[in-house]
């Protein structure tokens, strides 16, 4: 496995990110494309994970409010799940946030409830009441950057 993560800064890489999200969220979780693709795509920084040039993971992030980076659309292709790719992806996203947003003090995300233990292993803590997004139960989670 030759795993690398980089900023998806061209149309091809962005298309690979959307492709992965379609597999994970569309096909895997029956989330409608108009719920998954939104008007924030162009304001987010998209991170793409490649394993021997095969797209295997993606996430995006944006400035949520001053000092807070919000991580969104975290997706690992089913063929790569269970191999530590998600942890490596989150580390790559956190590194990109730190580099691009040096004043960031908090990281925030809306975790699907089943994924809460994964994010807790990364140091995130549940914040507040649960909510529904695209018909799936979620909770806000945060941690120090």
Protein backbone atom coordinates (compact mmCIF):
# COMPACT_ATOMS: atom_id res chain seq x y z
CA UNK A 1 0.00 0.00 0.00
CA UNK A 2 1.39 3.37 -1.07
CA UNK A 3 -1.00 5.73 0.70
CA UNK A 4 -0.75 9.49 0.12
CA UNK A 5 -3.07 12.38 0.95
CA UNK A 6 -3.14 15.73 -0.79
CA UNK A 7 -5.31 18.75 -1.42
CA UNK A 8 -7.75 18.12 -4.26
CA UNK A 9 -6.87 21.32 -6.10
CA UNK A 10 -7.94 20.43 -9.63
CA UNK A 11 -11.12 19.20 -11.33
CA UNK A 12 -9.88 15.63 -11.66
CA UNK A 13 -9.09 15.30 -7.97
CA UNK A 14 -12.35 16.98 -6.99
CA UNK A 15 -14.22 14.51 -9.24
CA UNK A 16 -12.43 11.65 -7.46
CA UNK A 17 -13.61 13.04 -4.10
CA UNK A 18 -17.21 13.29 -5.33
CA UNK A 19 -16.94 9.76 -6.78
CA UNK A 20 -15.84 8.37 -3.40
CA UNK A 21 -18.58 10.23 -1.59
CA UNK A 22 -21.10 8.84 -4.07
CA UNK A 23 -19.99 5.29 -3.28
CA UNK A 24 -19.97 5.77 0.50
CA UNK A 25 -22.94 8.10 1.01
CA UNK A 26 -25.04 7.56 -2.12
CA UNK A 27 -24.74 3.84 -2.79
CA UNK A 28 -23.78 2.82 0.74
CA UNK A 29 -26.21 4.95 2.76
CA UNK A 30 -28.88 5.93 0.22
CA UNK A 31 -28.25 9.65 0.67
CA UNK A 32 -29.67 11.64 -2.22
CA UNK A 33 -27.08 13.45 -4.31
CA UNK A 34 -28.81 16.80 -3.70
CA UNK A 35 -28.32 16.25 0.07
CA UNK A 36 -24.71 15.15 -0.33
CA UNK A 37 -23.46 17.75 -2.84
CA UNK A 38 -24.17 21.26 -1.58
CA UNK A 39 -23.43 24.92 -2.17
CA UNK A 40 -20.37 24.79 0.11
CA UNK A 41 -18.28 22.61 -2.24
CA UNK A 42 -16.33 25.56 -3.66
CA UNK A 43 -15.60 27.13 -0.27
CA UNK A 44 -14.26 23.91 1.27
CA UNK A 45 -10.78 22.43 1.03
CA UNK A 46 -11.06 18.83 -0.15
CA UNK A 47 -8.49 16.22 0.86
CA UNK A 48 -8.05 13.13 -1.31
CA UNK A 49 -6.42 9.88 -0.26
CA UNK A 50 -4.81 7.69 -2.92
CA UNK A 51 -3.50 4.17 -2.56
CA UNK A 52 -1.26 3.39 -5.55
CA UNK A 53 -3.15 6.17 -7.40
CA UNK A 54 -6.54 4.60 -6.58
CA UNK A 55 -8.93 6.98 -4.79
CA UNK A 56 -9.65 5.45 -1.38
CA UNK A 57 -10.62 8.26 1.02
CA UNK A 58 -11.75 11.85 1.13
CA UNK A 59 -12.93 14.58 3.46
CA UNK A 60 -13.51 18.27 3.23
CA UNK A 61 -13.20 21.10 5.71
CA UNK A 62 -14.02 24.76 5.99
CA UNK A 63 -13.80 27.65 8.40
CA UNK A 64 -16.90 27.28 10.56
CA UNK A 65 -16.34 30.44 12.57
CA UNK A 66 -13.20 32.28 13.72
CA UNK A 67 -10.83 29.74 15.25
CA UNK A 68 -12.98 26.71 14.39
CA UNK A 69 -12.40 24.34 11.47
CA UNK A 70 -15.35 22.12 10.54
CA UNK A 71 -14.60 18.72 9.04
CA UNK A 72 -17.24 17.28 6.74
CA UNK A 73 -17.95 14.46 4.28
CA UNK A 74 -15.42 12.02 5.75
CA UNK A 75 -15.54 8.95 3.51
CA UNK A 76 -13.42 5.82 3.11
CA UNK A 77 -14.13 3.49 0.19
CA UNK A 78 -15.58 0.19 1.48
CA UNK A 79 -12.65 -1.78 0.01
CA UNK A 80 -10.24 0.22 2.19
CA UNK A 81 -12.23 0.31 5.43
CA UNK A 82 -10.78 -1.38 8.50
CA UNK A 83 -7.16 -0.65 7.52
CA UNK A 84 -6.50 2.55 9.42
CA UNK A 85 -7.21 4.75 6.39
CA UNK A 86 -9.82 6.77 8.28
CA UNK A 87 -7.35 7.61 11.06
CA UNK A 88 -4.70 8.59 8.50
CA UNK A 89 -7.26 10.69 6.61
CA UNK A 90 -8.25 12.57 9.76
CA UNK A 91 -4.58 13.23 10.57
CA UNK A 92 -4.06 14.59 7.04
CA UNK A 93 -7.13 16.83 7.36
CA UNK A 94 -5.98 18.14 10.75
CA UNK A 95 -2.53 18.88 9.30
CA UNK A 96 -4.08 20.77 6.38
CA UNK A 97 -6.28 22.79 8.75
CA UNK A 98 -3.27 23.69 10.89
CA UNK A 99 -1.27 24.77 7.82
CA UNK A 100 -4.07 26.74 6.15
CA UNK A 101 -5.72 28.11 9.32
CA UNK A 102 -2.99 28.76 11.89
CA UNK A 103 -5.45 30.51 14.25
CA UNK A 104 -7.60 27.36 14.53
CA UNK A 105 -8.15 26.32 18.14
CA UNK A 106 -11.08 23.88 17.75
CA UNK A 107 -12.09 21.16 15.31
CA UNK A 108 -15.80 20.41 14.86
CA UNK A 109 -17.73 17.77 12.96
CA UNK A 110 -21.19 16.28 12.75
CA UNK A 111 -20.67 12.55 13.33
CA UNK A 112 -23.08 9.89 12.25
CA UNK A 113 -23.95 8.17 15.53
CA UNK A 114 -22.43 4.83 14.51
CA UNK A 115 -19.08 6.61 13.94
CA UNK A 116 -18.92 8.35 17.34
CA UNK A 117 -16.50 5.74 18.82
CA UNK A 118 -14.12 6.27 15.87
CA UNK A 119 -14.02 10.03 16.44
CA UNK A 120 -13.71 9.56 20.22
CA UNK A 121 -10.52 7.57 19.58
CA UNK A 122 -9.24 10.70 17.83
CA UNK A 123 -10.01 12.85 20.87
CA UNK A 124 -13.37 14.30 19.79
CA UNK A 125 -16.09 14.66 22.42
CA UNK A 126 -19.86 14.69 21.88
CA UNK A 127 -21.36 18.18 22.22
CA UNK A 128 -25.09 18.64 22.85
CA UNK A 129 -28.17 16.84 21.67
CA UNK A 130 -28.42 14.60 18.63
CA UNK A 131 -29.92 15.69 15.33
CA UNK A 132 -30.98 14.16 12.04
CA UNK A 133 -29.16 14.91 8.81
CA UNK A 134 -30.20 13.23 5.54
CA UNK A 135 -32.32 10.86 7.63
CA UNK A 136 -29.33 9.65 9.67
CA UNK A 137 -28.84 10.32 13.43
CA UNK A 138 -25.84 12.58 14.15
CA UNK A 139 -24.16 14.36 17.06
CA UNK A 140 -21.87 17.37 17.05
CA UNK A 141 -18.36 16.55 18.20
CA UNK A 142 -15.43 18.85 18.97
CA UNK A 143 -11.87 18.77 20.16
CA UNK A 144 -8.94 21.12 20.62
CA UNK A 145 -7.00 21.65 17.41
